[in-house]
Amino acid sequence: MRVQLQGHTVRLRIDEDELSELLGGVSIIGTTAFGSLFLMRYAVSLHEGRTCRLDGQAADWRIDLPDAEVRELASRLPSKEGLIFDVPTGGIDAMRILFDVDVKDSARRRRNV
């Protein structure tokens, strides 16, 4: 899983193997080490709700995506169009979550089938 942070936006890009795990009920877990200073951990899971949920602390967070929307995305792969969620934070700006599946990985897999 690749994670990009910019302002109030988190972009999550996974490959097809990770998508299979996610659709199978397994959480995708990643870590980023900031040298020897600290470690940031993150987990992405599916849930039965209709909205994206964000929870955790600054260096240990969790994103729960709506199962139905992720399955719909999976049904139309390969696609450059991912999912976009605005998650209220109680602050001035919502957190925007962008979720997509690596288009090159998807296209390559379909060519090799």
Protein backbone atom coordinates (compact mmCIF):
# COMPACT_ATOMS: atom_id res chain seq x y z
CA MET A 1 0.00 0.00 0.00
CA ARG A 2 1.25 3.45 -0.87
CA VAL A 3 0.17 6.32 1.34
CA GLN A 4 0.51 9.97 0.38
CA LEU A 5 -0.26 12.84 2.75
CA GLN A 6 -0.83 16.35 1.51
CA GLY A 7 -2.65 18.98 3.50
CA HIS A 8 -6.04 17.57 4.48
CA THR A 9 -5.83 14.71 1.96
CA VAL A 10 -4.73 11.10 2.42
CA ARG A 11 -4.29 9.06 -0.76
CA LEU A 12 -4.23 5.28 -0.47
CA ARG A 13 -3.17 3.20 -3.47
CA ILE A 14 -3.18 -0.58 -3.26
CA ASP A 15 -2.36 -3.33 -5.72
CA GLU A 16 -4.64 -6.20 -6.73
CA ASP A 17 -3.18 -8.63 -4.16
CA GLU A 18 -3.95 -6.17 -1.38
CA LEU A 19 -7.43 -5.62 -2.84
CA SER A 20 -8.06 -9.39 -2.71
CA GLU A 21 -7.01 -9.43 0.94
CA LEU A 22 -9.22 -6.46 1.74
CA LEU A 23 -12.23 -8.04 -0.01
CA GLY A 24 -11.51 -11.23 1.93
CA GLY A 25 -11.90 -9.42 5.24
CA VAL A 26 -8.20 -8.85 6.00
CA SER A 27 -7.01 -5.41 7.08
CA ILE A 28 -4.19 -3.92 5.06
CA ILE A 29 -1.55 -2.66 7.48
CA GLY A 30 1.40 -0.43 6.71
CA THR A 31 4.11 1.46 8.53
CA THR A 32 6.34 4.38 7.72
CA ALA A 33 9.51 4.97 9.71
CA PHE A 34 10.65 8.54 10.10
CA GLY A 35 14.26 7.58 10.64
CA SER A 36 14.80 6.65 14.26
CA LEU A 37 12.42 9.41 15.45
CA PHE A 38 9.08 7.62 15.28
CA LEU A 39 6.97 5.09 13.41
CA MET A 40 3.61 5.86 11.82
CA ARG A 41 1.23 2.89 11.57
CA TYR A 42 -1.95 2.74 9.52
CA ALA A 43 -4.61 0.15 8.77
CA VAL A 44 -7.31 0.02 6.11
CA SER A 45 -10.36 -2.21 6.49
CA LEU A 46 -13.84 -2.59 5.07
CA HIS A 47 -17.06 -2.16 7.02
CA GLU A 48 -20.75 -2.54 6.26
CA GLY A 49 -21.54 1.17 6.71
CA ARG A 50 -22.12 3.70 3.96
CA THR A 51 -19.42 6.21 4.90
CA CYS A 52 -15.67 6.25 5.32
CA ARG A 53 -14.53 6.30 8.96
CA LEU A 54 -11.25 7.63 10.31
CA ASP A 55 -10.02 6.82 13.81
CA GLY A 56 -6.83 6.66 15.85
CA GLN A 57 -3.98 8.85 16.98
CA ALA A 58 -1.42 10.87 15.02
CA ALA A 59 1.05 7.98 14.61
CA ASP A 60 -1.44 5.09 14.66
CA TRP A 61 -4.56 5.47 12.57
CA ARG A 62 -7.27 3.42 10.92
CA ILE A 63 -9.44 4.01 7.87
CA ASP A 64 -12.60 1.93 7.41
CA LEU A 65 -13.99 2.03 3.88
CA PRO A 66 -17.56 1.13 2.88
CA ASP A 67 -17.53 -2.47 1.65
CA ALA A 68 -20.14 -1.94 -1.11
CA GLU A 69 -18.25 0.93 -2.73
CA VAL A 70 -14.92 -0.91 -2.70
CA ARG A 71 -16.56 -3.99 -4.27
CA GLU A 72 -18.14 -1.80 -6.95
CA LEU A 73 -14.72 -0.31 -7.71
CA ALA A 74 -13.24 -3.82 -7.91
CA SER A 75 -15.91 -4.83 -10.45
CA ARG A 76 -14.83 -2.13 -12.90
CA LEU A 77 -11.05 -2.57 -12.79
CA PRO A 78 -8.81 -1.51 -14.38
CA SER A 79 -9.96 2.05 -13.78
CA LYS A 80 -8.24 5.36 -13.23
CA GLU A 81 -11.29 6.47 -11.25
CA GLY A 82 -10.93 5.65 -7.58
CA LEU A 83 -13.10 6.51 -4.61
CA ILE A 84 -13.24 9.88 -2.85
CA PHE A 85 -14.53 10.37 0.67
CA ASP A 86 -14.80 13.54 2.74
CA VAL A 87 -14.62 12.66 6.44
CA PRO A 88 -15.81 15.30 8.93
CA THR A 89 -13.18 15.97 11.58
CA GLY A 90 -14.92 18.42 13.89
CA GLY A 91 -12.47 21.05 12.68
CA ILE A 92 -12.68 23.61 9.91
CA ASP A 93 -11.76 21.28 7.04
CA ALA A 94 -12.89 17.74 6.38
CA MET A 95 -10.26 15.08 5.74
CA ARG A 96 -10.37 13.88 2.14
CA ILE A 97 -9.59 10.21 1.60
CA LEU A 98 -8.67 9.12 -1.94
CA PHE A 99 -8.62 5.37 -2.50
CA ASP A 100 -7.59 3.63 -5.70
CA VAL A 101 -6.19 0.41 -7.08
CA ASP A 102 -2.97 0.62 -9.11
CA VAL A 103 -4.14 0.85 -12.74
CA LYS A 104 -0.89 -0.54 -14.17
CA ASP A 105 -1.09 -3.59 -11.89
CA SER A 106 -4.73 -4.18 -12.86
CA ALA A 107 -4.08 -3.84 -16.61
CA ARG A 108 -1.02 -6.10 -16.43
CA ARG A 109 -2.97 -8.83 -14.62
CA ARG A 110 -5.81 -8.74 -17.13
CA ARG A 111 -3.36 -9.00 -20.06
CA ASN A 112 -1.77 -12.08 -18.51
CA VAL A 113 -5.04 -13.97 -17.93
